Amino acid sequence: MDAPRLIGHTRPIRAGSLWRRRILRRTKLMTKAGVDKKTLAWCLYDWANSAFATTVLAGFFPVFFKEHWSAGADVSLSTFHLGSANSLASVIIALLAPALGAIADRGGAKKKFLLFFTAMGVVMTGCLHLVAKGQWQLAAGVYVAAVVGFYGGNIFYDSLLVAVAEEKRRDFVSALGYSLGYLGGGLLFTLNIFMTMHPGAFGLAGVEQAVRVSFLSVALWWAAFSLPVMLWVKETKPAHAPSAWRAVGQGLRQLMATLGEVRRLKVVALFLLGYWLYIDGVDTVIQMAVDYGLALGFNSKSLLTALLITQFVGFPATIVFGLLGKRLGPKAGILIGIGVYLAVSVWGYFMDSENEFYVLAVVIGLVQGGVQSLSRSFYARLIPEDKAAEFFGFYNMLGKFAAVLGPFLMGSVSLATGNPRHSILSLGVLFIGGGIILAVVDDKKGHRLAEDLEGNL
């Protein structure tokens, strides 16, 4: 392609020079804002794996599971099966998370574990396109393995935040990661939706094949955009890194030692308790919203469109929440988001039209990424930096144990009452409990304690 020319000039090199100067100027601006090469590489992992969160976790899998792999089954029963699959994946990663974090810290192996779980998630996501119609058990099994890869990778991705950003930039960098995740996941999801609406334009036989190809596209996207964090982000290695087997033993001993120090980390424990409750509600809305809409009889295309709206609203809104966290403090921002989610759970009970679902999608998009990103950066303030992976192991463990309760609660309430509306209303308890506990967390005291304990646990 020819270089662009400036009006009144014939030599393209001058235009090329202008474009180069513009690129350099924007690069300098990004650097001043704290977005250097390693920061961007770290954020791109969110861009990468958010394709799974949108197209698979929240979008096509619930629809395909209910309408294709569970064809002919009662809607309440398929909701229970989907909730159970999500809960099983959460139990697995919750049991593994703290020990894996401790081992990674001792051996300086955060990126190795990130690579392993990423590869697991990518391969299992690609395998979803092989599952035949009616094989809901196999679909659930492959899905559980993919979800374990997704959440397992996030343990070590989150823990690398302290390696790419100093404390004063973490609220912004954390928010930037989530916002790029919304944008990247939303872009691929847009393409996937067009594939299902117009399969012939892509040379596909029909909607079923389009969905299967969408699963493959997620696997490729996730793999490709994970490369920058693997190549450009450098983790701090221990002065005397042990061998793999010694790292396992030392990591498990370190885990037990840290458990014994929980009484000295009361602020962290209190935050994690509140987080366990409110993030349960947030994750459950992400995983079960489309299934809930289907149970109410809404059109699947409308539900996927609403999910797409959430993604693109979430991109700028998460950045705004990062700035809000800088101005008001992350705790205040999280509490605002929790209040909105509580209102959503009540509104969802009375919702009776697809237009209302669209409105709720916008509202959720305004706060979802903000609650997630500010929770991550808030927690990073409370923990010793040299034990980041271990403590983020606890963080993810509680988050995933929470995700055990929420989907199972929705599925069980729907099955027991025969009315899915009761299931969404039950999430209000989680938001209320989590908000009350978070409100009494003293983050200044927690930060001082983390600094005192750094290197001593």
Protein backbone atom coordinates (compact mmCIF):
# COMPACT_ATOMS: atom_id res chain seq x y z
CA MET A 1 0.00 0.00 0.00
CA ASP A 2 1.37 3.44 -0.92
CA ALA A 3 2.29 5.83 1.85
CA PRO A 4 -0.30 8.61 2.40
CA ARG A 5 0.53 11.93 0.74
CA LEU A 6 0.08 15.40 2.14
CA ILE A 7 -1.90 17.92 0.09
CA GLY A 8 0.46 20.01 -2.02
CA HIS A 9 3.36 17.55 -1.76
CA THR A 10 4.41 14.75 -4.07
CA ARG A 11 6.95 12.85 -1.99
CA PRO A 12 5.29 10.22 0.24
CA ILE A 13 8.29 10.13 2.56
CA ARG A 14 7.24 13.43 4.14
CA ALA A 15 3.79 12.07 4.90
CA GLY A 16 5.41 8.96 6.28
CA SER A 17 7.57 11.14 8.49
CA LEU A 18 4.46 12.91 9.74
CA TRP A 19 2.79 9.61 10.57
CA ARG A 20 5.93 8.43 12.37
CA ARG A 21 6.03 11.66 14.39
CA ARG A 22 2.37 11.21 15.33
CA ILE A 23 2.99 7.62 16.44
CA LEU A 24 6.00 8.68 18.50
CA ARG A 25 4.02 11.53 20.06
CA ARG A 26 1.16 9.21 21.04
CA THR A 27 3.64 6.67 22.37
CA LYS A 28 5.18 9.36 24.56
CA LEU A 29 1.73 10.37 25.82
CA MET A 30 0.95 6.75 26.69
CA THR A 31 4.27 6.47 28.50
CA LYS A 32 3.52 9.62 30.52
CA ALA A 33 0.17 8.12 31.48
CA GLY A 34 1.94 5.02 32.75
CA VAL A 35 1.13 2.78 29.78
CA ASP A 36 4.55 1.44 28.88
CA LYS A 37 5.36 -1.73 26.94
CA LYS A 38 5.03 -4.15 29.85
CA THR A 39 1.84 -2.48 31.08
CA LEU A 40 0.24 -2.78 27.66
CA ALA A 41 1.42 -6.39 27.37
CA TRP A 42 -0.16 -7.21 30.74
CA CYS A 43 -3.42 -5.48 29.78
CA LEU A 44 -3.57 -7.37 26.48
CA TYR A 45 -4.00 -10.63 28.35
CA ASP A 46 -7.36 -9.29 29.52
CA TRP A 47 -8.09 -8.47 25.86
CA ALA A 48 -7.16 -12.08 25.06
CA ASN A 49 -9.06 -14.13 27.62
CA SER A 50 -12.11 -11.86 27.74
CA ALA A 51 -13.09 -13.43 24.44
CA PHE A 52 -13.77 -16.59 26.45
CA ALA A 53 -15.71 -14.65 29.09
CA THR A 54 -17.98 -13.08 26.46
CA THR A 55 -18.44 -15.54 23.59
CA VAL A 56 -18.27 -18.74 25.68
CA LEU A 57 -18.90 -18.13 29.38
CA ALA A 58 -21.63 -15.51 29.17
CA GLY A 59 -22.80 -15.78 25.56
CA PHE A 60 -22.97 -18.81 23.31
CA PHE A 61 -22.34 -21.63 25.75
CA PRO A 62 -25.47 -21.04 27.90
CA VAL A 63 -27.61 -20.74 24.76
CA PHE A 64 -26.06 -23.74 22.98
CA PHE A 65 -26.14 -25.78 26.19
CA LYS A 66 -29.86 -25.16 26.71
CA GLU A 67 -31.07 -25.28 23.11
CA HIS A 68 -28.64 -27.72 21.45
CA TRP A 69 -26.76 -29.93 23.89
CA SER A 70 -29.79 -30.16 26.26
CA ALA A 71 -32.44 -30.11 23.55
CA GLY A 72 -35.81 -31.32 24.86
CA ALA A 73 -34.91 -30.99 28.56
CA ASP A 74 -36.96 -28.91 31.00
CA VAL A 75 -35.59 -25.33 31.20
CA SER A 76 -35.28 -25.46 34.99
CA LEU A 77 -33.35 -28.75 34.78
CA SER A 78 -30.92 -27.41 32.16
CA THR A 79 -30.41 -24.29 34.32
CA PHE A 80 -29.55 -26.57 37.24
CA HIS A 81 -27.08 -28.53 35.10
CA LEU A 82 -25.39 -25.33 33.86
CA GLY A 83 -25.21 -23.90 37.37
CA SER A 84 -23.73 -27.17 38.65
CA ALA A 85 -21.07 -27.15 35.92
CA ASN A 86 -20.06 -23.60 36.81
CA SER A 87 -19.98 -24.53 40.49
CA LEU A 88 -17.82 -27.62 39.87
CA ALA A 89 -15.26 -25.58 37.93
CA SER A 90 -15.20 -23.04 40.73
CA VAL A 91 -14.66 -25.72 43.39
CA ILE A 92 -11.70 -27.16 41.47
CA ILE A 93 -9.92 -23.84 41.04
CA ALA A 94 -10.80 -22.70 44.56
CA LEU A 95 -9.12 -25.78 46.03
CA LEU A 96 -6.03 -25.34 43.85
CA ALA A 97 -5.62 -21.57 43.96
CA PRO A 98 -3.88 -20.92 47.32
CA ALA A 99 -1.36 -23.76 46.95
CA LEU A 100 -0.57 -22.81 43.35
CA GLY A 101 -0.04 -19.20 44.34
CA ALA A 102 2.32 -20.16 47.15
CA ILE A 103 4.33 -22.46 44.88
CA ALA A 104 4.56 -19.80 42.16
CA ASP A 105 5.83 -17.21 44.64
CA ARG A 106 8.55 -19.49 46.00
CA GLY A 107 9.77 -20.56 42.59
CA GLY A 108 9.23 -17.34 40.69
CA ALA A 109 6.96 -19.29 38.37
CA LYS A 110 3.93 -17.05 37.89
CA LYS A 111 4.38 -16.89 34.12
CA LYS A 112 4.91 -20.65 33.83
CA PHE A 113 1.63 -21.32 35.61
CA LEU A 114 -0.06 -18.61 33.53
CA LEU A 115 1.16 -20.36 30.37
CA PHE A 116 -0.05 -23.77 31.58
CA PHE A 117 -3.58 -22.65 32.44
CA THR A 118 -3.84 -20.52 29.32
CA ALA A 119 -2.92 -23.51 27.17
CA MET A 120 -5.47 -25.62 29.02
CA GLY A 121 -8.22 -23.07 28.48
CA VAL A 122 -7.35 -22.56 24.82
CA VAL A 123 -7.30 -26.29 23.99
CA MET A 124 -10.53 -27.09 25.85
CA THR A 125 -12.34 -24.14 24.29
CA GLY A 126 -11.30 -25.36 20.85
CA CYS A 127 -12.62 -28.83 21.70
CA LEU A 128 -16.14 -27.52 22.32
CA HIS A 129 -16.78 -27.46 18.56
CA LEU A 130 -16.45 -31.28 18.48
CA VAL A 131 -19.30 -32.02 20.93
CA ALA A 132 -22.37 -33.41 19.16
CA LYS A 133 -25.99 -32.43 19.71
CA GLY A 134 -27.60 -33.92 22.82
CA GLN A 135 -24.26 -34.68 24.55
CA TRP A 136 -24.79 -32.27 27.43
CA GLN A 137 -22.64 -34.34 29.81
CA LEU A 138 -19.60 -34.17 27.49
CA ALA A 139 -20.23 -30.50 26.79
CA ALA A 140 -20.36 -29.78 30.51
CA GLY A 141 -17.13 -31.70 31.13
CA VAL A 142 -15.15 -29.91 28.42
CA TYR A 143 -16.61 -26.60 29.57
CA VAL A 144 -15.54 -27.23 33.17
CA ALA A 145 -11.95 -27.85 32.02
CA ALA A 146 -11.98 -24.66 29.92
CA VAL A 147 -13.33 -22.62 32.85
CA VAL A 148 -10.61 -24.03 35.13
CA GLY A 149 -8.03 -22.88 32.57
CA PHE A 150 -9.63 -19.44 32.40
CA TYR A 151 -9.83 -18.86 36.15
CA GLY A 152 -6.53 -20.58 36.88
CA GLY A 153 -4.74 -18.27 34.48
CA ASN A 154 -6.34 -15.27 36.15
CA ILE A 155 -4.69 -16.12 39.47
CA PHE A 156 -1.25 -15.56 38.01
CA TYR A 157 -2.32 -12.76 35.68
CA ASP A 158 -3.72 -10.82 38.64
CA SER A 159 -0.60 -11.43 40.72
CA LEU A 160 1.60 -9.90 37.99
CA LEU A 161 -0.13 -6.54 38.56
CA VAL A 162 2.43 -5.70 41.25
CA ALA A 163 5.22 -6.39 38.74
CA VAL A 164 3.94 -4.00 36.07
CA ALA A 165 2.66 -1.06 38.13
CA GLU A 166 3.75 0.66 41.31
CA GLU A 167 1.13 1.28 43.97
CA LYS A 168 -0.01 4.75 42.85
CA ARG A 169 -0.80 3.49 39.31
CA ARG A 170 -2.52 0.21 40.16
CA ASP A 171 -6.09 1.51 40.22
CA PHE A 172 -5.62 2.94 36.71
CA VAL A 173 -3.68 -0.02 35.29
CA SER A 174 -6.14 -2.52 36.75
CA ALA A 175 -9.04 -0.56 35.24
CA LEU A 176 -7.21 -0.30 31.90
CA GLY A 177 -6.82 -4.07 31.80
CA TYR A 178 -10.50 -4.65 32.41
CA SER A 179 -11.52 -1.95 29.92
CA LEU A 180 -9.37 -3.47 27.16
CA GLY A 181 -10.90 -6.81 28.08
CA TYR A 182 -14.37 -5.40 27.47
CA LEU A 183 -13.27 -3.93 24.15
CA GLY A 184 -11.37 -6.99 22.91
CA GLY A 185 -13.99 -9.45 24.05
CA GLY A 186 -16.70 -7.25 22.59
CA LEU A 187 -15.02 -6.98 19.19
CA LEU A 188 -14.69 -10.74 18.74
CA PHE A 189 -18.17 -11.28 20.15
CA THR A 190 -19.53 -8.84 17.57
CA LEU A 191 -17.91 -10.86 14.80
CA ASN A 192 -19.26 -14.10 16.29
CA ILE A 193 -22.80 -12.70 16.48
CA PHE A 194 -22.64 -11.61 12.82
CA MET A 195 -21.44 -15.11 11.97
CA THR A 196 -24.53 -16.64 13.60
CA MET A 197 -26.91 -14.10 12.05
CA HIS A 198 -25.43 -14.35 8.53
CA PRO A 199 -23.61 -17.69 8.36
CA GLY A 200 -23.80 -17.81 4.55
CA ALA A 201 -21.71 -14.64 4.28
CA PHE A 202 -18.89 -16.49 6.04
CA GLY A 203 -19.22 -19.65 3.97
CA LEU A 204 -20.90 -21.53 6.85
CA ALA A 205 -23.75 -24.02 6.52
CA GLY A 206 -25.91 -22.56 9.29
CA VAL A 207 -26.18 -21.23 12.83
CA GLU A 208 -24.94 -24.45 14.43
CA GLN A 209 -21.71 -24.42 12.44
CA ALA A 210 -21.30 -20.69 13.09
CA VAL A 211 -21.43 -21.26 16.86
CA ARG A 212 -18.91 -24.09 16.63
CA VAL A 213 -16.55 -21.93 14.55
CA SER A 214 -17.02 -19.17 17.14
CA PHE A 215 -15.61 -21.49 19.82
CA LEU A 216 -12.55 -22.05 17.61
CA SER A 217 -12.13 -18.33 17.03
CA VAL A 218 -12.05 -17.74 20.77
CA ALA A 219 -9.29 -20.32 21.19
CA LEU A 220 -7.18 -18.68 18.47
CA TRP A 221 -7.80 -15.15 19.78
CA TRP A 222 -6.94 -16.15 23.35
CA ALA A 223 -3.71 -17.84 22.25
CA ALA A 224 -2.53 -15.02 19.94
CA PHE A 225 -3.06 -12.10 22.32
CA SER A 226 -1.54 -13.96 25.28
CA LEU A 227 1.88 -13.83 23.63
CA PRO A 228 2.79 -10.24 24.69
CA VAL A 229 2.50 -10.94 28.43
CA MET A 230 4.58 -14.09 28.02
CA LEU A 231 7.29 -12.22 26.10
CA TRP A 232 7.44 -8.74 27.62
CA VAL A 233 6.42 -8.96 31.28
CA LYS A 234 9.27 -9.94 33.57
CA GLU A 235 8.50 -11.26 37.02
CA THR A 236 10.87 -10.80 39.94
CA LYS A 237 12.74 -14.02 40.61
CA PRO A 238 13.74 -15.09 44.14
CA ALA A 239 17.45 -14.67 44.85
CA HIS A 240 17.84 -18.44 45.19
CA ALA A 241 14.98 -20.02 43.24
CA PRO A 242 14.51 -23.66 44.29
CA SER A 243 14.02 -26.58 41.95
CA ALA A 244 10.50 -27.47 40.85
CA TRP A 245 9.96 -30.15 43.52
CA ARG A 246 11.52 -28.00 46.26
CA ALA A 247 9.29 -25.13 45.16
CA VAL A 248 6.26 -27.38 45.67
CA GLY A 249 7.33 -28.33 49.19
CA GLN A 250 8.37 -24.81 50.14
CA GLY A 251 5.22 -23.35 48.62
CA LEU A 252 2.94 -25.65 50.59
CA ARG A 253 4.84 -24.91 53.80
CA GLN A 254 4.59 -21.20 53.04
CA LEU A 255 0.86 -21.61 52.50
CA MET A 256 0.43 -23.21 55.91
CA ALA A 257 2.54 -20.49 57.50
CA THR A 258 0.40 -17.80 55.90
CA LEU A 259 -2.77 -19.51 57.10
CA GLY A 260 -1.30 -19.36 60.57
CA GLU A 261 -0.81 -15.61 60.16
CA VAL A 262 -4.42 -14.88 59.26
CA ARG A 263 -5.01 -13.57 62.78
CA ARG A 264 -2.43 -10.86 62.01
CA LEU A 265 -4.18 -9.99 58.76
CA LYS A 266 -7.64 -9.20 60.06
CA VAL A 267 -8.23 -6.41 57.55
CA VAL A 268 -7.41 -8.73 54.65
CA ALA A 269 -9.63 -11.46 56.08
CA LEU A 270 -12.50 -9.02 56.54
CA PHE A 271 -12.21 -7.73 52.99
CA LEU A 272 -12.07 -11.25 51.59
CA LEU A 273 -15.25 -12.16 53.46
CA GLY A 274 -17.10 -9.19 51.98
CA TYR A 275 -15.57 -9.84 48.56
CA TRP A 276 -16.63 -13.49 48.77
CA LEU A 277 -20.25 -12.37 49.03
CA TYR A 278 -20.55 -9.48 46.60
CA ILE A 279 -18.35 -10.91 43.84
CA ASP A 280 -20.50 -14.04 44.03
CA GLY A 281 -23.42 -11.95 42.87
CA VAL A 282 -21.36 -10.23 40.16
CA ASP A 283 -19.96 -13.48 38.73
CA THR A 284 -23.35 -15.17 38.88
CA VAL A 285 -24.94 -12.36 36.86
CA ILE A 286 -22.18 -12.77 34.26
CA GLN A 287 -22.57 -16.55 34.04
CA MET A 288 -26.34 -16.89 34.34
CA ALA A 289 -27.90 -13.73 32.86
CA VAL A 290 -28.46 -15.20 29.39
CA ASP A 291 -29.81 -18.44 30.87
CA TYR A 292 -32.18 -16.38 33.05
CA GLY A 293 -33.46 -14.47 30.02
CA LEU A 294 -34.02 -17.72 28.14
CA ALA A 295 -35.97 -19.10 31.10
CA LEU A 296 -38.23 -16.03 30.91
CA GLY A 297 -38.88 -16.80 27.23
CA PHE A 298 -36.80 -14.00 25.69
CA ASN A 299 -35.32 -14.45 22.22
CA SER A 300 -31.72 -15.71 22.27
CA LYS A 301 -30.58 -13.18 19.64
CA SER A 302 -31.94 -10.33 21.75
CA LEU A 303 -30.10 -11.67 24.80
CA LEU A 304 -26.80 -11.91 22.94
CA THR A 305 -27.28 -8.38 21.62
CA ALA A 306 -27.85 -7.18 25.18
CA LEU A 307 -24.65 -8.91 26.26
CA LEU A 308 -22.81 -7.14 23.45
CA ILE A 309 -24.18 -3.82 24.69
CA THR A 310 -22.75 -4.57 28.13
CA GLN A 311 -19.31 -5.14 26.63
CA PHE A 312 -19.10 -1.85 24.78
CA VAL A 313 -20.62 0.17 27.61
CA GLY A 314 -18.15 -1.51 29.96
CA PHE A 315 -15.10 -0.35 27.97
CA PRO A 316 -15.30 3.40 28.76
CA ALA A 317 -17.19 2.89 32.03
CA THR A 318 -14.37 0.85 33.54
CA ILE A 319 -11.86 3.60 32.76
CA VAL A 320 -14.20 6.09 34.44
CA PHE A 321 -14.42 3.83 37.48
CA GLY A 322 -10.62 3.74 37.62
CA LEU A 323 -10.59 7.54 37.76
CA LEU A 324 -13.42 7.45 40.31
CA GLY A 325 -11.34 5.11 42.46
CA LYS A 326 -8.44 7.58 42.26
CA ARG A 327 -10.66 10.49 43.31
CA LEU A 328 -13.00 8.92 45.89
CA GLY A 329 -11.02 5.82 46.78
CA PRO A 330 -11.59 2.28 45.51
CA LYS A 331 -13.83 1.29 48.40
CA ALA A 332 -16.34 4.04 47.63
CA GLY A 333 -16.37 3.04 43.97
CA ILE A 334 -16.99 -0.61 44.82
CA LEU A 335 -19.86 0.29 47.17
CA ILE A 336 -21.51 2.36 44.44
CA GLY A 337 -21.29 -0.63 42.08
CA ILE A 338 -22.73 -3.00 44.71
CA GLY A 339 -25.69 -0.67 45.19
CA VAL A 340 -26.40 -0.71 41.47
CA TYR A 341 -26.22 -4.52 41.37
CA LEU A 342 -28.70 -4.74 44.25
CA ALA A 343 -31.13 -2.58 42.30
CA VAL A 344 -30.58 -4.78 39.22
CA SER A 345 -31.46 -7.96 41.13
CA VAL A 346 -34.75 -6.42 42.29
CA TRP A 347 -35.56 -5.00 38.86
CA GLY A 348 -34.74 -8.33 37.26
CA TYR A 349 -37.46 -10.00 39.34
CA PHE A 350 -40.15 -7.75 37.84
CA MET A 351 -38.71 -7.58 34.31
CA ASP A 352 -41.13 -8.75 31.61
CA SER A 353 -39.81 -7.42 28.29
CA GLU A 354 -36.68 -7.64 26.17
CA ASN A 355 -36.43 -3.85 26.13
CA GLU A 356 -36.00 -3.92 29.90
CA PHE A 357 -33.26 -6.51 29.46
CA TYR A 358 -31.47 -4.07 27.15
CA VAL A 359 -31.69 -1.32 29.78
CA LEU A 360 -30.34 -3.65 32.45
CA ALA A 361 -27.48 -4.56 30.10
CA VAL A 362 -26.49 -0.89 29.92
CA VAL A 363 -26.74 -0.46 33.69
CA ILE A 364 -24.63 -3.57 34.37
CA GLY A 365 -22.06 -2.42 31.81
CA LEU A 366 -21.64 0.84 33.72
CA VAL A 367 -20.52 -0.89 36.92
CA GLN A 368 -19.40 -4.46 36.21
CA GLY A 369 -15.82 -3.77 35.19
CA GLY A 370 -15.47 -1.07 37.82
CA VAL A 371 -16.37 -3.42 40.67
CA GLN A 372 -13.96 -6.05 39.36
CA SER A 373 -11.01 -3.75 38.67
CA LEU A 374 -11.29 -1.71 41.87
CA SER A 375 -11.61 -4.89 43.94
CA ARG A 376 -8.34 -6.16 42.45
CA SER A 377 -6.43 -2.93 43.03
CA PHE A 378 -7.99 -2.43 46.49
CA TYR A 379 -6.84 -5.89 47.53
CA ALA A 380 -3.34 -5.22 46.15
CA ARG A 381 -3.06 -2.38 48.70
CA LEU A 382 -3.68 -4.77 51.59
CA ILE A 383 -1.12 -7.50 50.87
CA PRO A 384 2.68 -7.84 51.01
CA GLU A 385 4.02 -7.40 47.47
CA ASP A 386 6.54 -10.23 47.76
CA LYS A 387 3.69 -12.68 48.42
CA ALA A 388 1.42 -11.39 45.65
CA ALA A 389 0.69 -14.70 43.90
CA GLU A 390 0.03 -16.46 47.19
CA PHE A 391 -2.35 -13.80 48.42
CA PHE A 392 -4.04 -13.52 45.04
CA GLY A 393 -4.44 -17.27 45.32
CA PHE A 394 -6.58 -16.66 48.40
CA TYR A 395 -8.35 -13.84 46.57
CA ASN A 396 -9.24 -16.07 43.64
CA MET A 397 -10.06 -18.98 45.93
CA LEU A 398 -12.69 -16.95 47.75
CA GLY A 399 -13.97 -15.52 44.50
CA LYS A 400 -14.36 -18.98 43.04
CA PHE A 401 -15.93 -20.46 46.19
CA ALA A 402 -18.37 -17.58 45.90
CA ALA A 403 -19.03 -18.61 42.30
CA VAL A 404 -19.89 -22.06 43.64
CA LEU A 405 -22.71 -20.65 45.72
CA GLY A 406 -24.28 -18.18 43.28
CA PRO A 407 -25.00 -20.32 40.20
CA PHE A 408 -25.99 -23.27 42.39
CA LEU A 409 -28.29 -20.98 44.39
CA MET A 410 -29.97 -19.67 41.24
CA GLY A 411 -30.34 -23.15 39.76
CA SER A 412 -31.66 -24.66 43.00
CA VAL A 413 -34.14 -21.85 43.71
CA SER A 414 -35.43 -22.03 40.14
CA LEU A 415 -35.78 -25.82 40.33
CA ALA A 416 -37.39 -25.80 43.79
CA THR A 417 -39.93 -23.05 43.09
CA GLY A 418 -40.49 -23.66 39.39
CA ASN A 419 -40.20 -19.89 38.94
CA PRO A 420 -36.86 -18.50 37.67
CA ARG A 421 -37.76 -15.01 38.90
CA HIS A 422 -37.15 -16.06 42.49
CA SER A 423 -33.60 -17.08 41.57
CA ILE A 424 -32.50 -13.58 40.50
CA LEU A 425 -34.08 -12.01 43.56
CA SER A 426 -32.07 -14.30 45.85
CA LEU A 427 -28.83 -12.63 44.73
CA GLY A 428 -29.79 -9.49 46.65
CA VAL A 429 -28.75 -11.18 49.88
CA LEU A 430 -25.19 -11.52 48.59
CA PHE A 431 -24.91 -7.86 47.59
CA ILE A 432 -26.31 -6.61 50.89
CA GLY A 433 -24.03 -8.81 53.00
CA GLY A 434 -20.93 -8.03 50.95
CA GLY A 435 -21.59 -4.30 50.97
CA ILE A 436 -22.06 -4.13 54.73
CA ILE A 437 -18.80 -5.98 55.42
CA LEU A 438 -16.80 -3.94 52.88
CA ALA A 439 -18.05 -0.71 54.44
CA VAL A 440 -16.23 -1.47 57.71
CA VAL A 441 -12.89 -2.48 56.11
CA ASP A 442 -10.11 -0.06 57.17
CA ASP A 443 -7.88 -0.04 54.09
CA LYS A 444 -5.37 2.46 55.57
CA LYS A 445 -4.73 0.17 58.50
CA GLY A 446 -4.49 -2.79 56.15
CA HIS A 447 -1.92 -1.03 53.96
CA ARG A 448 0.27 -0.21 56.97
CA LEU A 449 0.07 -3.79 58.18
CA ALA A 450 1.00 -5.13 54.73
CA GLU A 451 4.10 -2.94 54.65
CA ASP A 452 5.10 -4.10 58.14
CA LEU A 453 4.66 -7.77 57.22
CA GLU A 454 6.36 -7.61 53.81
CA GLY A 455 9.15 -10.15 53.74
CA ASN A 456 8.29 -11.44 57.22
CA LEU A 457 5.47 -13.88 56.55
